[in-house]
Amino acid sequence: MDIKYILGLFGIIVLLNLFSNQFFTSVDLTEDKRYTVTNPVGGLLENLEDEVTIRVFMTADFLPADYKLFKKSIAEKIDNFKTKTNKINYFFEDPNKGELELIKKRGMALRRMGINPVRVGKDQQGKDVYVFPAAVFEGVDTVVINLMDNNIPGADEKTVITNSIGLLEYNLAKGIQMASGKAGGIIAFTEGRGELSAGEVSDLDRSLRQQGYAVGRLPWDNIEVFDPQIDVVIIAKPRFTFSDQDKFILDQYIMQGGKVVWLIDRMNADLDSMLVKTVYTPYDYPLDIEDQLFKYGFRIQPNLIMDMECTKVKLVSGNLGNAAQMDVFPWYFHPAVRPFSDNPIVKNLDRVSMRFASVIDTITTKKNKTKKTILLRSSDKSLIKYSPVELNFEILRVDPDPQYFNKPNLPVAVLSEGEFTSAFEFNATAPMLGVLKKKGMTHMTKSVPTKMLVVSDGDIAKNDFNPKTKDIRSLGFDRVSGYTFANKDFLLNAIEYMIDDGGIIQSKNREVKLNLLDCSRAKSEKTKWQLINIVLPLLFLILFGMGFYFVRKKRFG
């Protein structure tokens, strides 16, 4: 064979390799398109201006098969991202590398960053192996994102990892967005009508700030109009009457495209009142906003939901010597509600803890051009207690009869999107219109496309807070069980969706199907597949070589 021909062929191969390293492309043939970046995430990546470095704490000498798959999926997903931008760098760090003392110090440093370890087994030397399934994103800002989503109580390890792989695109994109300084918006909590205090929503406030939002308090008595630059207004458990001026200010904010999260307790019911009185009869809060909500297409009923799927309370059941004996009882007025939608707000979300929730009726009118989505609902075993209802702990003395819990799937959180008719379409007073005129605004009777979320429980946003010690517990934390429900994730997702429904949160709707190996079949057909994978390629090479030899011999012989 001519030496020039060999050198030329070798040179072409080298050039092809250099070219392929500069220009990478691929074709996604998977059923669920797991290697295709969604359009919103692709847009984020293509518009990155600053470099982002991703540090993933997953490398180890020993990893079980599921975690190897998780680690491989992380690398593949970031490599997919790199086809859209050259602004991303990543590497894996081994949290188990080095001497024992160094490993402990590294672990403590990671815990201080909010990264908690997961024990995955032992290595060949019998040493415990941990992974820290999180990533640190370093760019304009530095943020930490947990990559393992354990949002299903009691789920096995394989299910948790499968769900986490399905959410990798969103979690990685969210980290990049936050690190690049492109996340956020302006969020305002109203105050002055008995809403939850700053301390009672401090965990949600802190989490919003960590995600790049600007958060503030909005006093009703000190404003004439809401600033249209505010992205979302949160009304968290008001207990006093709204004036017509309050409602008009809010209405015109909505008409201009403002988004509102209504967290409304219709009934004045709480455990503290029940501990003071043997029998307690809750009354309606005198909010006077029922007509406004009705105009927007909602009615929160003056009732209470009882649900057999609920959280528990700890009560005195007797005395043991001189000490009170405490027992735990299910409290049916505190439902642990389920997500009920494919909307990304509740996609793959755990249960949400609620207290004394009411039924939300949705109302369809010709003037409102809106789409309503039920996000949360009670279980199949729930019932309605109509007002007036007497509350006491005597119901815990006997087991409930399931046949009475026959009002299933009651809505407790509803999202509405579209164009709303003003609650002051015909009844705006001269002073109200005068305020608008002074601010250079016009009276709007039809809204631009916008969104609002109505939840029939104000305590969904309330964290445990001690005003004396300033101690704060995580939002959704249940003191009796020690479990943290998904209240915070629900509200954070809702706010993100309301600000940018076409953004990266849409990647949460992706379903990743992992086809599991049939172990028994693989074992029984082991020899056949070994022959196919080893012998067949060799036969192909031999036949190709013989054919190539005879063609050359016939051509040049």
Protein backbone atom coordinates (compact mmCIF):
# COMPACT_ATOMS: atom_id res chain seq x y z
CA MET A 1 0.00 0.00 0.00
CA ASP A 2 1.30 3.48 -0.90
CA ILE A 3 2.79 5.29 2.13
CA LYS A 4 1.34 8.59 0.85
CA TYR A 5 -2.12 7.02 0.83
CA ILE A 6 -1.73 5.90 4.48
CA LEU A 7 -0.42 9.29 5.61
CA GLY A 8 -3.22 11.08 3.78
CA LEU A 9 -5.86 8.83 5.35
CA PHE A 10 -4.33 9.40 8.79
CA GLY A 11 -4.32 13.17 8.24
CA ILE A 12 -8.00 13.16 7.22
CA ILE A 13 -8.92 11.23 10.39
CA VAL A 14 -7.03 13.73 12.57
CA LEU A 15 -8.72 16.69 10.87
CA LEU A 16 -12.15 15.10 11.29
CA ASN A 17 -11.50 14.60 15.01
CA LEU A 18 -10.39 18.20 15.45
CA PHE A 19 -13.42 19.43 13.55
CA SER A 20 -15.85 17.26 15.55
CA ASN A 21 -14.42 18.60 18.84
CA GLN A 22 -15.23 22.15 17.73
CA PHE A 23 -18.67 21.45 16.31
CA PHE A 24 -20.70 18.98 18.37
CA THR A 25 -24.18 17.85 17.40
CA SER A 26 -26.43 14.96 18.32
CA VAL A 27 -29.79 13.44 17.48
CA ASP A 28 -32.18 12.56 20.34
CA LEU A 29 -33.94 9.29 19.48
CA THR A 30 -35.33 8.63 22.99
CA GLU A 31 -39.09 8.38 23.41
CA ASP A 32 -39.21 10.99 26.19
CA LYS A 33 -36.66 13.33 24.52
CA ARG A 34 -34.54 13.31 27.65
CA TYR A 35 -31.49 14.68 25.78
CA THR A 36 -33.36 17.60 24.22
CA VAL A 37 -33.19 20.94 26.04
CA THR A 38 -36.61 22.60 26.36
CA ASN A 39 -37.07 25.94 24.59
CA PRO A 40 -37.20 28.15 27.73
CA VAL A 41 -34.02 26.58 29.13
CA GLY A 42 -32.36 26.82 25.71
CA GLY A 43 -33.20 30.52 25.58
CA LEU A 44 -31.71 31.05 29.04
CA LEU A 45 -28.48 29.30 28.06
CA GLU A 46 -28.10 31.05 24.70
CA ASN A 47 -28.45 34.45 26.38
CA LEU A 48 -25.90 33.84 29.16
CA GLU A 49 -23.49 36.73 29.39
CA ASP A 50 -21.22 35.59 32.25
CA GLU A 51 -19.52 32.26 32.85
CA VAL A 52 -21.04 29.88 35.39
CA THR A 53 -19.04 27.11 37.08
CA ILE A 54 -20.91 24.13 38.50
CA ARG A 55 -19.36 22.03 41.29
CA VAL A 56 -21.14 18.71 41.87
CA PHE A 57 -20.36 16.62 44.97
CA MET A 58 -21.04 13.16 43.58
CA THR A 59 -17.71 11.52 42.76
CA ALA A 60 -16.70 8.47 44.81
CA ASP A 61 -14.69 5.26 44.31
CA PHE A 62 -17.76 3.26 45.29
CA LEU A 63 -21.28 4.10 44.17
CA PRO A 64 -24.34 1.85 43.93
CA ALA A 65 -25.83 1.42 40.45
CA ASP A 66 -28.66 3.91 41.00
CA TYR A 67 -26.27 6.65 42.09
CA LYS A 68 -23.93 5.90 39.19
CA LEU A 69 -26.91 6.45 36.89
CA PHE A 70 -27.74 9.69 38.72
CA LYS A 71 -24.17 10.94 38.40
CA LYS A 72 -24.08 10.00 34.71
CA SER A 73 -27.40 11.77 34.13
CA ILE A 74 -26.05 14.96 35.74
CA ALA A 75 -23.02 14.94 33.45
CA GLU A 76 -25.14 14.20 30.37
CA LYS A 77 -27.58 16.99 31.17
CA ILE A 78 -24.84 19.58 31.65
CA ASP A 79 -23.19 18.39 28.43
CA ASN A 80 -26.56 18.97 26.72
CA PHE A 81 -26.52 22.49 28.16
CA LYS A 82 -23.02 23.07 26.77
CA THR A 83 -24.33 22.52 23.23
CA LYS A 84 -26.26 25.77 23.73
CA THR A 85 -23.52 27.89 25.31
CA ASN A 86 -19.78 27.96 25.96
CA LYS A 87 -20.30 29.84 29.25
CA ILE A 88 -20.69 26.73 31.43
CA ASN A 89 -17.92 24.74 33.12
CA TYR A 90 -18.44 21.87 35.53
CA PHE A 91 -16.54 19.29 37.51
CA PHE A 92 -17.25 16.64 40.14
CA GLU A 93 -15.71 16.76 43.61
CA ASP A 94 -15.23 13.71 45.81
CA PRO A 95 -16.43 14.44 49.38
CA ASN A 96 -14.85 11.18 50.59
CA LYS A 97 -11.32 11.85 49.36
CA GLY A 98 -8.45 12.22 51.82
CA GLU A 99 -7.85 11.45 55.49
CA LEU A 100 -10.77 10.97 57.90
CA GLU A 101 -10.20 14.33 59.60
CA LEU A 102 -10.21 16.14 56.24
CA ILE A 103 -13.40 14.34 55.20
CA LYS A 104 -15.12 15.45 58.43
CA LYS A 105 -14.06 19.09 57.97
CA ARG A 106 -15.23 19.04 54.35
CA GLY A 107 -18.56 17.51 55.40
CA MET A 108 -19.12 20.21 58.05
CA ALA A 109 -18.35 22.94 55.51
CA LEU A 110 -20.86 21.46 53.07
CA ARG A 111 -23.53 21.20 55.79
CA ARG A 112 -23.04 24.89 56.61
CA MET A 113 -23.80 25.59 52.94
CA GLY A 114 -27.06 23.68 53.32
CA ILE A 115 -25.83 20.51 51.61
CA ASN A 116 -26.75 17.41 53.62
CA PRO A 117 -25.13 14.02 52.97
CA VAL A 118 -26.75 10.76 51.90
CA ARG A 119 -25.12 7.50 53.00
CA VAL A 120 -24.96 5.14 50.01
CA GLY A 121 -23.05 2.17 51.48
CA LYS A 122 -19.51 1.10 52.34
CA ASP A 123 -16.39 0.87 50.22
CA GLN A 124 -14.05 -2.13 49.99
CA GLN A 125 -12.28 -1.06 53.18
CA GLY A 126 -15.58 -0.95 55.09
CA LYS A 127 -15.63 2.86 55.29
CA ASP A 128 -18.99 4.62 54.97
CA VAL A 129 -19.44 6.34 51.61
CA TYR A 130 -21.47 9.55 51.43
CA VAL A 131 -22.64 11.66 48.55
CA PHE A 132 -23.80 15.24 48.84
CA PRO A 133 -26.43 15.33 46.05
CA ALA A 134 -26.21 19.05 45.44
CA ALA A 135 -24.36 21.49 43.24
CA VAL A 136 -22.75 24.87 43.87
CA PHE A 137 -23.22 27.37 41.03
CA GLU A 138 -20.64 30.15 40.89
CA GLY A 139 -21.19 33.15 38.64
CA VAL A 140 -22.34 36.68 39.36
CA ASP A 141 -23.77 35.14 42.53
CA THR A 142 -23.04 31.86 44.31
CA VAL A 143 -26.01 29.57 44.99
CA VAL A 144 -26.59 26.02 46.19
CA ILE A 145 -29.20 23.78 44.56
CA ASN A 146 -30.27 20.39 45.89
CA LEU A 147 -30.34 17.94 42.98
CA MET A 148 -32.10 15.11 44.79
CA ASP A 149 -35.84 15.69 45.23
CA ASN A 150 -37.32 13.40 47.87
CA ASN A 151 -40.86 14.76 47.66
CA ILE A 152 -42.72 11.47 48.05
CA PRO A 153 -43.07 10.21 51.65
CA GLY A 154 -41.97 6.60 52.02
CA ALA A 155 -40.64 6.38 48.45
CA ASP A 156 -37.82 3.90 47.85
CA GLU A 157 -34.39 5.00 46.72
CA LYS A 158 -34.94 4.06 43.07
CA THR A 159 -38.14 6.13 42.87
CA VAL A 160 -36.43 9.13 44.47
CA ILE A 161 -33.54 8.97 41.99
CA THR A 162 -35.90 8.51 39.03
CA ASN A 163 -37.85 11.62 40.05
CA SER A 164 -34.61 13.53 40.63
CA ILE A 165 -33.38 12.66 37.14
CA GLY A 166 -36.68 13.93 35.74
CA LEU A 167 -36.17 17.27 37.52
CA LEU A 168 -32.47 17.68 36.67
CA GLU A 169 -33.09 20.08 33.78
CA TYR A 170 -35.16 22.41 35.95
CA ASN A 171 -32.84 22.27 38.98
CA LEU A 172 -29.68 22.83 36.93
CA ALA A 173 -31.30 25.61 34.88
CA LYS A 174 -32.59 27.25 38.06
CA GLY A 175 -29.09 27.24 39.53
CA ILE A 176 -27.63 28.76 36.38
CA GLN A 177 -30.37 31.39 36.26
CA MET A 178 -29.81 32.40 39.89
CA ALA A 179 -26.01 32.39 39.61
CA SER A 180 -26.18 34.59 36.51
CA GLY A 181 -28.37 37.13 38.35
CA LYS A 182 -31.31 36.67 35.97
CA ALA A 183 -33.82 35.31 38.50
CA GLY A 184 -36.20 37.26 40.67
CA GLY A 185 -38.91 39.91 40.74
CA ILE A 186 -40.63 42.16 43.29
CA ILE A 187 -42.88 40.51 45.90
CA ALA A 188 -44.99 42.45 48.41
CA PHE A 189 -46.79 41.15 51.52
CA THR A 190 -49.73 43.36 52.51
CA GLU A 191 -50.17 44.42 56.14
CA GLY A 192 -52.65 46.38 58.19
CA ARG A 193 -55.69 44.11 57.93
CA GLY A 194 -54.58 41.47 60.41
CA GLU A 195 -52.30 39.59 58.01
CA LEU A 196 -49.51 37.28 59.17
CA SER A 197 -46.62 39.21 60.69
CA ALA A 198 -43.16 39.48 59.17
CA GLY A 199 -41.90 36.89 61.66
CA GLU A 200 -44.68 34.44 60.77
CA VAL A 201 -43.73 34.51 57.06
CA SER A 202 -39.99 34.94 57.64
CA ASP A 203 -39.02 31.52 56.24
CA LEU A 204 -40.91 32.16 53.00
CA ASP A 205 -39.46 35.69 52.90
CA ARG A 206 -35.93 34.35 53.35
CA SER A 207 -36.37 31.68 50.67
CA LEU A 208 -37.71 34.23 48.20
CA ARG A 209 -34.70 36.46 48.80
CA GLN A 210 -32.36 33.49 48.32
CA GLN A 211 -33.93 32.95 44.91
CA GLY A 212 -33.21 36.53 43.86
CA TYR A 213 -36.55 38.19 44.63
CA ALA A 214 -36.88 41.63 46.24
CA VAL A 215 -39.37 41.29 49.13
CA GLY A 216 -41.14 44.01 51.10
CA ARG A 217 -44.21 44.91 53.19
CA LEU A 218 -47.08 46.94 51.76
CA PRO A 219 -49.21 48.81 54.38
CA TRP A 220 -52.78 49.43 53.25
CA ASP A 221 -53.17 52.73 55.06
CA ASN A 222 -50.10 54.37 53.52
CA ILE A 223 -50.77 53.82 49.82
CA GLU A 224 -53.11 55.30 47.26
CA VAL A 225 -52.28 52.88 44.41
CA PHE A 226 -50.14 49.76 44.12
CA ASP A 227 -46.90 50.27 42.22
CA PRO A 228 -47.36 48.41 38.89
CA GLN A 229 -43.72 47.32 39.09
CA ILE A 230 -44.67 44.92 41.92
CA ASP A 231 -44.83 41.48 40.31
CA VAL A 232 -46.87 39.63 42.95
CA VAL A 233 -48.93 40.83 45.93
CA ILE A 234 -49.45 38.26 48.71
CA ILE A 235 -52.44 38.70 51.05
CA ALA A 236 -51.63 36.22 53.84
CA LYS A 237 -54.47 35.48 56.28
CA PRO A 238 -56.21 38.85 56.75
CA ARG A 239 -58.58 39.04 59.72
CA PHE A 240 -60.01 42.57 59.59
CA THR A 241 -62.44 44.26 57.23
CA PHE A 242 -61.22 45.61 53.89
CA SER A 243 -62.50 49.06 53.01
CA ASP A 244 -63.92 49.86 49.59
CA GLN A 245 -60.79 51.91 48.93
CA ASP A 246 -58.59 48.88 49.75
CA LYS A 247 -60.55 46.74 47.34
CA PHE A 248 -60.48 49.40 44.61
CA ILE A 249 -56.70 49.80 44.90
CA LEU A 250 -56.26 46.05 44.61
CA ASP A 251 -58.77 45.78 41.76
CA GLN A 252 -57.01 48.37 39.61
CA TYR A 253 -53.65 46.70 40.28
CA ILE A 254 -55.12 43.45 38.91
CA MET A 255 -56.63 45.25 35.92
CA GLN A 256 -53.13 46.51 34.99
CA GLY A 257 -51.79 42.94 35.01
CA GLY A 258 -50.79 42.61 38.67
CA LYS A 259 -50.75 39.11 40.15
CA VAL A 260 -52.31 38.32 43.53
CA VAL A 261 -51.93 35.35 45.87
CA TRP A 262 -55.01 35.20 48.13
CA LEU A 263 -54.34 33.11 51.27
CA ILE A 264 -57.72 33.45 52.98
CA ASP A 265 -59.13 31.92 56.16
CA ARG A 266 -62.91 32.17 55.86
CA MET A 267 -63.53 30.89 59.42
CA ASN A 268 -61.88 32.07 62.63
CA ALA A 269 -60.78 28.62 63.80
CA ASP A 270 -57.51 27.71 65.50
CA LEU A 271 -56.21 25.25 68.09
CA ASP A 272 -55.32 27.94 70.63
CA SER A 273 -59.00 28.93 70.97
CA MET A 274 -59.96 25.30 71.47
CA LEU A 275 -57.43 24.86 74.28
CA VAL A 276 -59.02 27.77 76.16
CA LYS A 277 -62.64 26.67 75.74
CA THR A 278 -64.07 23.16 76.02
CA VAL A 279 -66.34 23.85 73.05
CA TYR A 280 -65.50 26.51 70.50
CA THR A 281 -67.74 27.77 67.70
CA PRO A 282 -65.76 29.64 65.01
CA TYR A 283 -67.29 32.62 63.26
CA ASP A 284 -66.78 34.13 59.81
CA TYR A 285 -63.95 36.64 59.52
CA PRO A 286 -65.57 40.01 58.61
CA LEU A 287 -63.33 40.55 55.59
CA ASP A 288 -66.01 41.88 53.24
CA ILE A 289 -64.10 40.70 50.15
CA GLU A 290 -66.56 37.96 49.17
CA ASP A 291 -68.16 40.15 46.49
CA GLN A 292 -64.77 40.95 44.95
CA LEU A 293 -63.66 37.33 44.82
CA PHE A 294 -67.06 36.36 43.37
CA LYS A 295 -66.56 38.89 40.57
CA TYR A 296 -63.20 37.24 39.76
CA GLY A 297 -64.82 33.77 39.72
CA PHE A 298 -64.29 32.39 43.25
CA ARG A 299 -66.36 31.70 46.33
CA ILE A 300 -64.73 30.50 49.56
CA GLN A 301 -67.51 28.78 51.46
CA PRO A 302 -68.09 29.41 55.20
CA ASN A 303 -67.41 25.80 56.11
CA LEU A 304 -64.58 23.56 57.33
CA ILE A 305 -63.16 20.44 55.69
CA MET A 306 -62.54 17.28 57.70
CA ASP A 307 -60.19 14.76 56.11
CA MET A 308 -59.07 11.31 57.26
CA GLU A 309 -55.70 12.02 55.60
CA CYS A 310 -54.51 14.63 58.06
CA THR A 311 -51.75 15.66 60.43
CA LYS A 312 -51.81 14.88 64.15
CA VAL A 313 -52.00 16.81 67.41
CA LYS A 314 -50.52 16.01 70.81
CA LEU A 315 -52.99 16.24 73.70
CA VAL A 316 -53.14 15.34 77.38
CA SER A 317 -54.82 11.94 77.69
CA GLY A 318 -54.31 11.36 81.40
CA ASN A 319 -51.80 11.49 84.25
CA LEU A 320 -48.83 9.27 84.99
CA GLY A 321 -48.02 9.99 88.62
CA ASN A 322 -47.71 13.75 88.94
CA ALA A 323 -46.95 14.25 85.25
CA ALA A 324 -49.45 14.71 82.43
CA GLN A 325 -49.50 11.88 79.91
CA MET A 326 -49.47 13.03 76.29
CA ASP A 327 -50.79 11.07 73.33
CA VAL A 328 -50.95 11.74 69.60
CA PHE A 329 -54.29 11.89 67.77
CA PRO A 330 -55.25 12.51 64.14
CA TRP A 331 -56.83 15.95 63.83
CA TYR A 332 -59.23 15.80 60.89
CA PHE A 333 -59.49 19.59 60.54
CA HIS A 334 -55.80 19.73 59.51
CA PRO A 335 -55.84 17.99 56.11
CA ALA A 336 -52.65 16.91 54.36
CA VAL A 337 -53.82 17.71 50.86
CA ARG A 338 -52.62 16.27 47.57
CA PRO A 339 -51.53 17.97 44.36
CA PHE A 340 -54.17 17.64 41.65
CA SER A 341 -52.83 18.83 38.32
CA ASP A 342 -50.06 18.48 35.74
CA ASN A 343 -49.34 22.18 36.21
CA PRO A 344 -45.62 22.72 36.96
CA ILE A 345 -46.55 24.42 40.25
CA VAL A 346 -47.47 21.04 41.75
CA LYS A 347 -45.63 18.63 39.45
CA ASN A 348 -43.88 15.96 41.57
CA LEU A 349 -44.86 17.86 44.73
CA ASP A 350 -45.33 16.27 48.14
CA ARG A 351 -48.44 16.81 50.28
CA VAL A 352 -49.17 20.26 51.65
CA SER A 353 -50.21 20.77 55.28
CA MET A 354 -53.31 22.92 55.86
CA ARG A 355 -55.26 24.02 58.95
CA PHE A 356 -59.02 24.56 58.99
CA ALA A 357 -59.35 24.85 55.23
CA SER A 358 -62.64 25.60 53.45
CA VAL A 359 -64.12 24.57 50.11
CA ILE A 360 -63.46 26.83 47.11
CA ASP A 361 -66.23 27.03 44.53
CA THR A 362 -65.28 28.19 41.04
CA ILE A 363 -67.74 30.39 39.16
CA THR A 364 -67.93 30.76 35.41
CA THR A 365 -69.10 34.09 33.98
CA LYS A 366 -69.35 35.32 30.41
CA LYS A 367 -67.30 38.44 31.15
CA ASN A 368 -64.28 36.67 32.68
CA LYS A 369 -62.19 34.95 30.03
CA THR A 370 -60.16 32.81 32.37
CA LYS A 371 -58.85 29.28 32.72
CA LYS A 372 -59.11 27.77 36.22
CA THR A 373 -56.87 24.95 37.45
CA ILE A 374 -57.42 23.09 40.72
CA LEU A 375 -53.94 22.67 42.21
CA LEU A 376 -54.70 21.15 45.63
CA ARG A 377 -57.65 19.16 46.91
CA SER A 378 -58.68 16.99 49.84
CA SER A 379 -58.52 13.19 49.77
CA ASP A 380 -61.16 10.65 48.79
CA LYS A 381 -62.18 10.43 52.46
CA SER A 382 -63.26 13.94 53.41
CA LEU A 383 -66.43 15.70 54.51
CA ILE A 384 -67.79 19.22 55.00
CA LYS A 385 -68.80 20.80 58.30
CA TYR A 386 -71.12 23.74 57.65
CA SER A 387 -71.22 26.87 59.80
CA PRO A 388 -72.08 27.10 62.62
CA VAL A 389 -69.97 24.15 63.73
CA GLU A 390 -68.88 23.28 67.28
CA LEU A 391 -65.24 22.31 67.63
CA ASN A 392 -64.03 20.13 70.49
CA PHE A 393 -61.66 17.26 71.08
CA GLU A 394 -64.42 14.82 72.04
CA ILE A 395 -64.52 13.53 68.47
CA LEU A 396 -61.11 11.93 69.11
CA ARG A 397 -62.51 9.54 71.71
CA VAL A 398 -63.94 7.22 69.05
CA ASP A 399 -62.66 6.10 65.67
CA PRO A 400 -64.37 7.89 62.77
CA ASP A 401 -66.83 6.04 60.56
CA PRO A 402 -65.42 6.18 56.99
CA GLN A 403 -68.92 6.09 55.47
CA TYR A 404 -69.53 9.65 56.67
CA PHE A 405 -66.39 10.93 54.92
CA ASN A 406 -68.17 10.87 51.57
CA LYS A 407 -67.32 14.27 50.05
CA PRO A 408 -64.13 13.52 48.11
CA ASN A 409 -61.65 15.77 46.34
CA LEU A 410 -62.70 19.17 47.65
CA PRO A 411 -60.77 22.10 46.04
CA VAL A 412 -58.62 24.14 48.44
CA ALA A 413 -56.23 25.88 46.02
CA VAL A 414 -57.22 27.18 42.57
CA LEU A 415 -55.18 29.03 39.95
CA SER A 416 -56.96 31.34 37.49
CA GLU A 417 -55.32 32.74 34.35
CA GLY A 418 -56.73 35.13 31.77
CA GLU A 419 -58.72 38.37 31.61
CA PHE A 420 -60.78 39.43 34.64
CA THR A 421 -63.68 41.87 34.84
CA SER A 422 -63.27 44.68 37.37
CA ALA A 423 -65.14 44.39 40.66
CA PHE A 424 -65.71 48.15 40.26
CA GLU A 425 -66.95 48.03 36.69
CA PHE A 426 -69.97 50.27 37.44
CA ASN A 427 -69.60 51.37 41.06
CA ALA A 428 -66.33 53.33 41.29
CA THR A 429 -66.95 56.47 43.34
CA ALA A 430 -65.77 59.99 42.55
CA PRO A 431 -63.04 59.94 45.26
CA MET A 432 -61.73 56.63 43.87
CA LEU A 433 -61.56 58.00 40.35
CA GLY A 434 -59.99 61.18 41.69
CA VAL A 435 -57.07 59.24 43.14
CA LEU A 436 -56.48 57.55 39.78
CA LYS A 437 -56.61 60.88 37.97
CA LYS A 438 -54.12 62.40 40.41
CA LYS A 439 -51.72 59.51 39.65
CA GLY A 440 -52.22 59.89 35.89
CA MET A 441 -54.06 56.58 35.63
CA THR A 442 -57.34 55.66 33.95
CA HIS A 443 -60.14 53.53 35.38
CA MET A 444 -59.86 50.04 33.82
CA THR A 445 -62.90 47.75 33.73
CA LYS A 446 -61.18 44.81 32.01
CA SER A 447 -57.81 43.41 32.90
CA VAL A 448 -54.93 42.59 30.63
CA PRO A 449 -54.01 38.87 30.78
CA THR A 450 -52.88 38.09 34.32
CA LYS A 451 -53.09 35.43 37.04
CA MET A 452 -54.28 34.96 40.59
CA LEU A 453 -54.08 32.10 43.08
CA VAL A 454 -56.74 31.52 45.74
CA VAL A 455 -56.01 29.24 48.72
CA SER A 456 -58.61 28.66 51.43
CA ASP A 457 -56.07 28.60 54.27
CA GLY A 458 -53.89 31.49 55.39
CA ASP A 459 -51.72 29.26 57.60
CA ILE A 460 -50.26 27.59 54.51
CA ALA A 461 -47.63 30.37 54.55
CA LYS A 462 -47.13 30.51 58.33
CA ASN A 463 -43.95 29.18 59.94
CA ASP A 464 -43.58 28.56 63.68
CA PHE A 465 -42.14 31.75 65.18
CA ASN A 466 -41.26 32.65 68.75
CA PRO A 467 -41.43 36.47 69.05
CA LYS A 468 -39.38 36.42 72.27
CA THR A 469 -36.46 34.28 71.11
CA LYS A 470 -36.93 35.02 67.38
CA ASP A 471 -36.60 31.28 66.71
CA ILE A 472 -38.01 30.22 63.35
CA ARG A 473 -38.91 26.75 62.10
CA SER A 474 -39.07 25.80 58.44
CA LEU A 475 -42.33 26.51 56.68
CA GLY A 476 -44.33 23.28 56.52
CA PHE A 477 -42.55 21.69 59.50
CA ASP A 478 -44.89 19.55 61.62
CA ARG A 479 -43.82 19.49 65.28
CA VAL A 480 -45.63 16.24 66.09
CA SER A 481 -44.28 14.05 63.28
CA GLY A 482 -41.04 15.95 62.65
CA TYR A 483 -41.85 15.89 58.93
CA THR A 484 -41.62 18.94 56.67
CA PHE A 485 -44.50 19.26 54.21
CA ALA A 486 -44.20 20.96 50.81
CA ASN A 487 -45.88 24.26 51.75
CA LYS A 488 -42.82 26.32 50.90
CA ASP A 489 -42.16 24.56 47.58
CA PHE A 490 -45.80 25.06 46.62
CA LEU A 491 -45.71 28.81 47.25
CA LEU A 492 -42.28 29.30 45.65
CA ASN A 493 -43.39 27.39 42.56
CA ALA A 494 -46.63 29.37 42.39
CA ILE A 495 -44.82 32.72 42.56
CA GLU A 496 -42.28 31.66 39.93
CA TYR A 497 -45.05 30.44 37.63
CA MET A 498 -47.13 33.59 38.06
CA ILE A 499 -44.19 35.84 37.19
CA ASP A 500 -42.92 33.78 34.25
CA ASP A 501 -45.22 30.90 33.28
CA GLY A 502 -43.34 30.36 30.02
CA GLY A 503 -39.98 30.19 31.78
CA ILE A 504 -37.80 27.35 32.95
CA ILE A 505 -40.46 26.08 35.36
CA GLN A 506 -42.10 24.49 32.30
CA SER A 507 -39.24 21.96 32.25
CA LYS A 508 -40.82 20.42 35.38
CA ASN A 509 -43.47 18.92 33.11
CA ARG A 510 -40.90 16.62 31.52
CA GLU A 511 -41.41 12.91 32.19
CA VAL A 512 -38.30 10.72 32.17
CA LYS A 513 -38.97 7.01 31.83
CA LEU A 514 -36.19 4.73 33.00
CA ASN A 515 -36.59 1.28 31.50
CA LEU A 516 -35.64 -1.23 34.19
CA LEU A 517 -33.66 -4.35 33.32
CA ASP A 518 -35.51 -7.67 33.51
CA CYS A 519 -32.94 -9.44 35.73
CA SER A 520 -34.42 -12.95 35.44
CA ARG A 521 -34.53 -12.76 31.64
CA ALA A 522 -31.01 -11.29 31.48
CA LYS A 523 -29.71 -14.19 33.55
CA SER A 524 -31.47 -16.89 31.50
CA GLU A 525 -30.36 -15.37 28.15
CA LYS A 526 -26.85 -14.47 29.28
CA THR A 527 -25.00 -16.74 26.83
CA LYS A 528 -27.06 -15.65 23.82
CA TRP A 529 -26.39 -11.97 24.39
CA GLN A 530 -22.71 -12.58 25.09
CA LEU A 531 -22.41 -14.29 21.70
CA ILE A 532 -24.33 -11.48 19.98
CA ASN A 533 -22.21 -8.74 21.55
CA ILE A 534 -18.80 -10.42 21.25
CA VAL A 535 -18.83 -12.94 18.39
CA LEU A 536 -21.09 -11.10 15.94
CA PRO A 537 -18.89 -7.93 15.75
CA LEU A 538 -15.81 -10.13 15.21
CA LEU A 539 -17.51 -12.02 12.39
CA PHE A 540 -18.51 -8.73 10.80
CA LEU A 541 -14.90 -7.48 10.92
CA ILE A 542 -13.58 -10.74 9.42
CA LEU A 543 -16.12 -10.65 6.59
CA PHE A 544 -15.39 -6.99 5.91
CA GLY A 545 -11.63 -7.65 5.85
CA MET A 546 -12.01 -10.60 3.46
CA GLY A 547 -14.30 -8.61 1.18
CA PHE A 548 -11.93 -5.65 1.19
CA TYR A 549 -9.00 -7.98 0.36
CA PHE A 550 -10.76 -9.65 -2.59
CA VAL A 551 -11.97 -6.31 -4.02
CA ARG A 552 -8.44 -4.87 -3.94
CA LYS A 553 -6.97 -8.07 -5.40
CA LYS A 554 -9.46 -8.06 -8.27
CA ARG A 555 -8.95 -4.35 -8.90
CA PHE A 556 -5.15 -4.13 -8.67
CA GLY A 557 -4.06 -7.77 -9.19
